[in-house]
Amino acid sequence: MNKEYKKIYVKDVKRLLTMVKISRNENFIDIIKEFSNDLAKILNSRLLYHKIYLFPADFEGNKDITFIGILTTSHIVISSYTEEDGIYIDIDAAWCSGENLNKEKFEELIKKYFKNYEIKSFKIYNYLGEESLLS
């Protein structure tokens, strides 16, 4: 029997939807797995499996990504969109560990990995799709 398993309830499900703008010179593709591992730890979870898909972002050879991570408590999906003014990182994470995530805790994680960033949006929802007070 898997000793990591904990009984979870639908009322414990939370979802993070956020958009972060970073500088075009940030090398985010190389650190996205470590970023996801740290996010999983904050959510009292663990990254079990991940896959990174690369896509052409522009005619300069830059790449956009879609990162899919399976957690012990749900998932993380990260997509990037390269624009003239920066790279936009769209993060969708769901978890049901009972842990709370607030904007300050999330920003500490962003600071660890990115020098120049701007959190464009930050929303946390409960299992009913209602916005959390932590947003």
N, C-alpha and C. Protein backbone atom coordinates (compact mmCIF):
# COMPACT_ATOMS: atom_id res chain seq x y z
N MET A 1 0.84 -1.18 0.00
CA MET A 1 0.00 0.00 0.00
C MET A 1 0.88 1.25 0.00
N ASN A 2 0.49 2.23 -0.76
CA ASN A 2 1.24 3.48 -0.85
C ASN A 2 1.12 4.25 0.46
N LYS A 3 2.23 4.45 1.16
CA LYS A 3 2.20 5.14 2.45
C LYS A 3 2.07 6.65 2.31
N GLU A 4 2.19 7.17 1.10
CA GLU A 4 2.03 8.61 0.89
C GLU A 4 0.57 9.00 0.77
N TYR A 5 -0.29 8.03 0.55
CA TYR A 5 -1.70 8.34 0.31
C TYR A 5 -2.36 8.85 1.58
N LYS A 6 -3.13 9.91 1.44
CA LYS A 6 -3.94 10.43 2.52
C LYS A 6 -5.35 10.58 1.98
N LYS A 7 -6.32 10.25 2.79
CA LYS A 7 -7.71 10.42 2.38
C LYS A 7 -7.96 11.90 2.13
N ILE A 8 -8.52 12.22 0.98
CA ILE A 8 -8.83 13.61 0.64
C ILE A 8 -10.32 13.73 0.38
N TYR A 9 -10.78 14.93 0.50
CA TYR A 9 -12.19 15.22 0.30
C TYR A 9 -12.32 16.34 -0.72
N VAL A 10 -13.39 16.33 -1.49
CA VAL A 10 -13.58 17.33 -2.54
C VAL A 10 -13.59 18.73 -1.95
N LYS A 11 -14.05 18.89 -0.72
CA LYS A 11 -14.08 20.23 -0.12
C LYS A 11 -12.68 20.79 0.11
N ASP A 12 -11.66 19.94 0.05
CA ASP A 12 -10.27 20.39 0.24
C ASP A 12 -9.62 20.86 -1.06
N VAL A 13 -10.27 20.66 -2.21
CA VAL A 13 -9.67 21.01 -3.50
C VAL A 13 -9.57 22.53 -3.63
N LYS A 14 -8.38 22.98 -4.02
CA LYS A 14 -8.14 24.40 -4.30
C LYS A 14 -7.48 24.49 -5.67
N ARG A 15 -7.66 25.63 -6.32
CA ARG A 15 -7.07 25.83 -7.64
C ARG A 15 -6.45 27.21 -7.70
N LEU A 16 -5.21 27.26 -8.19
CA LEU A 16 -4.49 28.51 -8.43
C LEU A 16 -4.50 28.79 -9.92
N LEU A 17 -4.88 30.00 -10.28
CA LEU A 17 -4.76 30.48 -11.66
C LEU A 17 -4.02 31.80 -11.58
N THR A 18 -2.86 31.86 -12.22
CA THR A 18 -2.06 33.07 -12.15
C THR A 18 -1.32 33.30 -13.46
N MET A 19 -1.03 34.56 -13.73
CA MET A 19 -0.24 34.95 -14.91
C MET A 19 0.90 35.82 -14.40
N VAL A 20 2.12 35.44 -14.77
CA VAL A 20 3.31 36.18 -14.36
C VAL A 20 4.08 36.59 -15.60
N LYS A 21 4.46 37.86 -15.65
CA LYS A 21 5.28 38.35 -16.77
C LYS A 21 6.73 38.39 -16.30
N ILE A 22 7.61 37.79 -17.12
CA ILE A 22 9.04 37.83 -16.83
C ILE A 22 9.76 38.45 -18.02
N SER A 23 11.00 38.79 -17.81
CA SER A 23 11.82 39.39 -18.87
C SER A 23 12.12 38.35 -19.95
N ARG A 24 12.28 38.82 -21.17
CA ARG A 24 12.59 37.91 -22.28
C ARG A 24 13.96 37.25 -22.14
N ASN A 25 14.84 37.83 -21.33
CA ASN A 25 16.17 37.22 -21.20
C ASN A 25 16.25 36.21 -20.05
N GLU A 26 15.13 35.93 -19.39
CA GLU A 26 15.11 34.90 -18.35
C GLU A 26 15.17 33.52 -19.02
N ASN A 27 15.96 32.63 -18.47
CA ASN A 27 16.08 31.28 -19.01
C ASN A 27 15.15 30.35 -18.22
N PHE A 28 13.86 30.48 -18.45
CA PHE A 28 12.89 29.78 -17.62
C PHE A 28 12.73 28.30 -17.97
N ILE A 29 13.04 27.91 -19.19
CA ILE A 29 12.83 26.51 -19.58
C ILE A 29 13.69 25.57 -18.75
N ASP A 30 14.93 25.99 -18.45
CA ASP A 30 15.84 25.13 -17.69
C ASP A 30 15.45 24.99 -16.22
N ILE A 31 14.68 25.94 -15.68
CA ILE A 31 14.37 25.90 -14.26
C ILE A 31 12.92 25.56 -13.95
N ILE A 32 12.12 25.32 -14.97
CA ILE A 32 10.68 25.13 -14.74
C ILE A 32 10.39 23.89 -13.89
N LYS A 33 11.19 22.82 -14.03
CA LYS A 33 10.96 21.62 -13.20
C LYS A 33 11.26 21.91 -11.74
N GLU A 34 12.37 22.61 -11.46
CA GLU A 34 12.72 22.95 -10.08
C GLU A 34 11.66 23.87 -9.48
N PHE A 35 11.19 24.84 -10.28
CA PHE A 35 10.13 25.73 -9.84
C PHE A 35 8.88 24.92 -9.46
N SER A 36 8.51 23.97 -10.31
CA SER A 36 7.33 23.14 -10.06
C SER A 36 7.51 22.25 -8.83
N ASN A 37 8.72 21.72 -8.64
CA ASN A 37 9.01 20.93 -7.44
C ASN A 37 8.81 21.76 -6.18
N ASP A 38 9.32 22.99 -6.20
CA ASP A 38 9.18 23.86 -5.04
C ASP A 38 7.72 24.26 -4.81
N LEU A 39 6.99 24.52 -5.88
CA LEU A 39 5.56 24.83 -5.74
C LEU A 39 4.83 23.62 -5.14
N ALA A 40 5.15 22.43 -5.60
CA ALA A 40 4.53 21.22 -5.06
C ALA A 40 4.81 21.08 -3.56
N LYS A 41 6.03 21.37 -3.14
CA LYS A 41 6.37 21.28 -1.71
C LYS A 41 5.55 22.26 -0.89
N ILE A 42 5.39 23.49 -1.40
CA ILE A 42 4.57 24.48 -0.71
C ILE A 42 3.14 23.97 -0.54
N LEU A 43 2.67 23.22 -1.51
CA LEU A 43 1.30 22.69 -1.49
C LEU A 43 1.20 21.37 -0.74
N ASN A 44 2.29 21.00 -0.03
CA ASN A 44 2.36 19.75 0.71
C ASN A 44 2.10 18.57 -0.22
N SER A 45 2.78 18.60 -1.35
CA SER A 45 2.61 17.58 -2.37
C SER A 45 3.99 17.23 -2.93
N ARG A 46 4.00 16.39 -3.94
CA ARG A 46 5.24 15.99 -4.57
C ARG A 46 4.98 15.78 -6.05
N LEU A 47 5.95 16.18 -6.88
CA LEU A 47 5.86 16.00 -8.32
C LEU A 47 6.19 14.54 -8.65
N LEU A 48 5.21 13.81 -9.16
CA LEU A 48 5.40 12.40 -9.49
C LEU A 48 5.89 12.20 -10.92
N TYR A 49 5.41 13.03 -11.83
CA TYR A 49 5.71 12.88 -13.25
C TYR A 49 5.59 14.24 -13.90
N HIS A 50 6.43 14.48 -14.90
CA HIS A 50 6.29 15.73 -15.65
C HIS A 50 6.70 15.51 -17.10
N LYS A 51 6.21 16.38 -17.94
CA LYS A 51 6.55 16.37 -19.37
C LYS A 51 6.57 17.81 -19.84
N ILE A 52 7.57 18.16 -20.62
CA ILE A 52 7.68 19.51 -21.17
C ILE A 52 7.55 19.42 -22.69
N TYR A 53 6.65 20.20 -23.24
CA TYR A 53 6.47 20.30 -24.68
C TYR A 53 6.98 21.67 -25.11
N LEU A 54 7.80 21.70 -26.16
CA LEU A 54 8.35 22.96 -26.68
C LEU A 54 7.67 23.33 -27.98
N PHE A 55 7.45 24.63 -28.15
CA PHE A 55 6.82 25.16 -29.35
C PHE A 55 7.60 26.37 -29.83
N PRO A 56 7.65 26.63 -31.12
CA PRO A 56 8.30 27.86 -31.60
C PRO A 56 7.53 29.07 -31.07
N ALA A 57 8.27 30.06 -30.55
CA ALA A 57 7.63 31.26 -29.99
C ALA A 57 7.67 32.43 -30.95
N ASP A 58 8.74 32.48 -31.75
CA ASP A 58 8.90 33.61 -32.67
C ASP A 58 9.90 33.21 -33.74
N PHE A 59 10.22 34.14 -34.59
CA PHE A 59 11.17 33.87 -35.68
C PHE A 59 12.62 34.03 -35.24
N GLU A 60 12.85 34.36 -33.97
CA GLU A 60 14.21 34.53 -33.45
C GLU A 60 14.74 33.25 -32.82
N GLY A 61 13.99 32.18 -32.86
CA GLY A 61 14.44 30.90 -32.31
C GLY A 61 14.03 30.66 -30.87
N ASN A 62 13.30 31.58 -30.25
CA ASN A 62 12.84 31.37 -28.89
C ASN A 62 11.76 30.29 -28.85
N LYS A 63 11.64 29.66 -27.71
CA LYS A 63 10.66 28.58 -27.54
C LYS A 63 9.65 28.94 -26.47
N ASP A 64 8.42 28.55 -26.69
CA ASP A 64 7.39 28.56 -25.66
C ASP A 64 7.22 27.13 -25.19
N ILE A 65 6.64 26.98 -23.99
CA ILE A 65 6.49 25.64 -23.43
C ILE A 65 5.08 25.41 -22.93
N THR A 66 4.77 24.15 -22.81
CA THR A 66 3.68 23.69 -21.95
C THR A 66 4.28 22.61 -21.08
N PHE A 67 4.21 22.82 -19.78
CA PHE A 67 4.73 21.89 -18.78
C PHE A 67 3.52 21.25 -18.10
N ILE A 68 3.51 19.93 -18.06
CA ILE A 68 2.44 19.22 -17.38
C ILE A 68 3.07 18.40 -16.26
N GLY A 69 2.61 18.64 -15.05
CA GLY A 69 3.13 17.92 -13.89
C GLY A 69 2.01 17.24 -13.13
N ILE A 70 2.21 15.98 -12.80
CA ILE A 70 1.26 15.23 -11.99
C ILE A 70 1.79 15.24 -10.56
N LEU A 71 0.96 15.72 -9.64
CA LEU A 71 1.33 15.79 -8.23
C LEU A 71 0.69 14.65 -7.45
N THR A 72 1.18 14.42 -6.25
CA THR A 72 0.53 13.44 -5.38
C THR A 72 -0.86 13.91 -4.98
N THR A 73 -1.13 15.21 -5.10
CA THR A 73 -2.45 15.74 -4.73
C THR A 73 -3.23 16.33 -5.90
N SER A 74 -2.71 16.39 -7.09
CA SER A 74 -3.44 16.82 -8.29
C SER A 74 -2.48 17.14 -9.43
N HIS A 75 -2.39 18.42 -9.87
CA HIS A 75 -1.60 18.72 -11.07
C HIS A 75 -1.09 20.17 -11.09
N ILE A 76 -0.10 20.39 -11.95
CA ILE A 76 0.40 21.72 -12.30
C ILE A 76 0.51 21.75 -13.82
N VAL A 77 -0.03 22.79 -14.43
CA VAL A 77 0.14 23.01 -15.87
C VAL A 77 0.67 24.43 -16.03
N ILE A 78 1.78 24.56 -16.74
CA ILE A 78 2.41 25.87 -16.97
C ILE A 78 2.61 26.05 -18.47
N SER A 79 2.14 27.17 -18.98
CA SER A 79 2.34 27.49 -20.40
C SER A 79 2.98 28.86 -20.49
N SER A 80 3.82 29.03 -21.51
CA SER A 80 4.45 30.34 -21.71
C SER A 80 4.02 30.92 -23.05
N TYR A 81 4.02 32.25 -23.09
CA TYR A 81 3.65 32.99 -24.29
C TYR A 81 4.66 34.11 -24.46
N THR A 82 5.49 34.04 -25.49
CA THR A 82 6.50 35.06 -25.73
C THR A 82 5.88 36.22 -26.50
N GLU A 83 6.04 37.41 -25.95
CA GLU A 83 5.55 38.64 -26.57
C GLU A 83 6.72 39.61 -26.68
N GLU A 84 6.53 40.71 -27.37
CA GLU A 84 7.60 41.70 -27.53
C GLU A 84 8.06 42.27 -26.20
N ASP A 85 7.13 42.45 -25.26
CA ASP A 85 7.47 43.09 -23.98
C ASP A 85 7.86 42.11 -22.89
N GLY A 86 7.91 40.82 -23.17
CA GLY A 86 8.31 39.84 -22.17
C GLY A 86 7.71 38.48 -22.43
N ILE A 87 7.90 37.60 -21.48
CA ILE A 87 7.34 36.25 -21.54
C ILE A 87 6.27 36.16 -20.47
N TYR A 88 5.10 35.72 -20.87
CA TYR A 88 3.99 35.56 -19.94
C TYR A 88 3.88 34.09 -19.58
N ILE A 89 3.89 33.80 -18.29
CA ILE A 89 3.80 32.43 -17.81
C ILE A 89 2.44 32.25 -17.14
N ASP A 90 1.65 31.35 -17.70
CA ASP A 90 0.32 31.03 -17.20
C ASP A 90 0.43 29.77 -16.35
N ILE A 91 0.04 29.86 -15.08
CA ILE A 91 0.17 28.73 -14.16
C ILE A 91 -1.22 28.32 -13.67
N ASP A 92 -1.51 27.05 -13.83
CA ASP A 92 -2.76 26.45 -13.34
C ASP A 92 -2.33 25.29 -12.44
N ALA A 93 -2.63 25.40 -11.16
CA ALA A 93 -2.28 24.33 -10.23
C ALA A 93 -3.50 23.99 -9.40
N ALA A 94 -3.72 22.71 -9.19
CA ALA A 94 -4.80 22.26 -8.32
C ALA A 94 -4.20 21.33 -7.28
N TRP A 95 -4.73 21.41 -6.07
CA TRP A 95 -4.24 20.56 -5.00
C TRP A 95 -5.36 20.34 -3.99
N CYS A 96 -5.22 19.30 -3.20
CA CYS A 96 -6.25 19.00 -2.20
C CYS A 96 -5.59 18.51 -0.91
N SER A 97 -4.47 19.12 -0.56
CA SER A 97 -3.73 18.71 0.62
C SER A 97 -4.16 19.44 1.88
N GLY A 98 -5.03 20.42 1.76
CA GLY A 98 -5.42 21.22 2.92
C GLY A 98 -4.50 22.41 3.13
N GLU A 99 -3.39 22.47 2.39
CA GLU A 99 -2.47 23.60 2.51
C GLU A 99 -3.07 24.83 1.85
N ASN A 100 -2.76 25.98 2.42
CA ASN A 100 -3.19 27.24 1.82
C ASN A 100 -2.00 27.91 1.15
N LEU A 101 -2.27 28.60 0.09
CA LEU A 101 -1.26 29.36 -0.64
C LEU A 101 -1.79 30.78 -0.76
N ASN A 102 -0.97 31.75 -0.39
CA ASN A 102 -1.38 33.14 -0.57
C ASN A 102 -0.42 33.83 -1.52
N LYS A 103 -0.75 35.04 -1.91
CA LYS A 103 0.05 35.76 -2.90
C LYS A 103 1.47 36.02 -2.40
N GLU A 104 1.64 36.31 -1.11
CA GLU A 104 2.96 36.58 -0.55
C GLU A 104 3.86 35.34 -0.63
N LYS A 105 3.32 34.19 -0.27
CA LYS A 105 4.09 32.94 -0.32
C LYS A 105 4.46 32.61 -1.77
N PHE A 106 3.52 32.82 -2.68
CA PHE A 106 3.77 32.57 -4.10
C PHE A 106 4.84 33.52 -4.63
N GLU A 107 4.77 34.78 -4.22
CA GLU A 107 5.75 35.76 -4.69
C GLU A 107 7.16 35.43 -4.20
N GLU A 108 7.29 34.88 -3.00
CA GLU A 108 8.60 34.44 -2.51
C GLU A 108 9.19 33.39 -3.45
N LEU A 109 8.35 32.47 -3.91
CA LEU A 109 8.80 31.44 -4.84
C LEU A 109 9.21 32.05 -6.17
N ILE A 110 8.41 32.96 -6.70
CA ILE A 110 8.73 33.63 -7.96
C ILE A 110 10.07 34.36 -7.86
N LYS A 111 10.29 35.07 -6.75
CA LYS A 111 11.54 35.81 -6.54
C LYS A 111 12.76 34.89 -6.56
N LYS A 112 12.58 33.68 -6.06
CA LYS A 112 13.69 32.72 -6.01
C LYS A 112 14.18 32.36 -7.41
N TYR A 113 13.28 32.35 -8.39
CA TYR A 113 13.62 31.87 -9.72
C TYR A 113 13.74 32.95 -10.79
N PHE A 114 13.09 34.08 -10.61
CA PHE A 114 13.08 35.11 -11.65
C PHE A 114 13.51 36.45 -11.09
N LYS A 115 14.44 37.11 -11.81
CA LYS A 115 14.95 38.42 -11.37
C LYS A 115 13.93 39.52 -11.61
N ASN A 116 13.40 39.56 -12.80
CA ASN A 116 12.43 40.59 -13.18
C ASN A 116 11.10 39.93 -13.45
N TYR A 117 10.12 40.25 -12.64
CA TYR A 117 8.80 39.64 -12.80
C TYR A 117 7.71 40.64 -12.41
N GLU A 118 6.52 40.35 -12.88
CA GLU A 118 5.34 41.11 -12.48
C GLU A 118 4.18 40.12 -12.44
N ILE A 119 3.55 40.01 -11.29
CA ILE A 119 2.39 39.13 -11.17
C ILE A 119 1.20 39.89 -11.74
N LYS A 120 0.73 39.45 -12.90
CA LYS A 120 -0.37 40.14 -13.60
C LYS A 120 -1.73 39.77 -13.00
N SER A 121 -1.88 38.54 -12.58
CA SER A 121 -3.12 38.11 -11.94
C SER A 121 -2.80 36.98 -10.98
N PHE A 122 -3.60 36.85 -9.94
CA PHE A 122 -3.41 35.79 -8.93
C PHE A 122 -4.78 35.49 -8.33
N LYS A 123 -5.29 34.32 -8.60
CA LYS A 123 -6.60 33.91 -8.08
C LYS A 123 -6.52 32.49 -7.54
N ILE A 124 -7.16 32.29 -6.40
CA ILE A 124 -7.30 30.95 -5.83
C ILE A 124 -8.79 30.70 -5.68
N TYR A 125 -9.22 29.51 -6.10
CA TYR A 125 -10.63 29.14 -6.06
C TYR A 125 -10.81 27.89 -5.21
N ASN A 126 -11.98 27.77 -4.59
CA ASN A 126 -12.30 26.55 -3.85
C ASN A 126 -12.98 25.55 -4.78
N TYR A 127 -13.40 24.44 -4.24
CA TYR A 127 -13.97 23.37 -5.07
C TYR A 127 -15.28 23.76 -5.74
N LEU A 128 -15.93 24.81 -5.25
CA LEU A 128 -17.16 25.28 -5.87
C LEU A 128 -16.91 26.32 -6.95
N GLY A 129 -15.64 26.67 -7.15
CA GLY A 129 -15.30 27.69 -8.13
C GLY A 129 -15.43 29.10 -7.57
N GLU A 130 -15.57 29.20 -6.25
CA GLU A 130 -15.67 30.51 -5.61
C GLU A 130 -14.27 31.02 -5.30
N GLU A 131 -14.06 32.31 -5.51
CA GLU A 131 -12.74 32.88 -5.25
C GLU A 131 -12.46 32.87 -3.76
N SER A 132 -11.25 32.45 -3.41
CA SER A 132 -10.83 32.37 -2.02
C SER A 132 -10.45 33.74 -1.49
N LEU A 133 -10.53 33.90 -0.19
CA LEU A 133 -10.08 35.13 0.45
C LEU A 133 -8.57 35.28 0.36
N LEU A 134 -7.85 34.20 0.02
CA LEU A 134 -6.40 34.24 -0.09
C LEU A 134 -5.92 34.90 -1.37
N SER A 135 -6.82 35.12 -2.33
CA SER A 135 -6.45 35.71 -3.62
C SER A 135 -6.02 37.15 -3.45
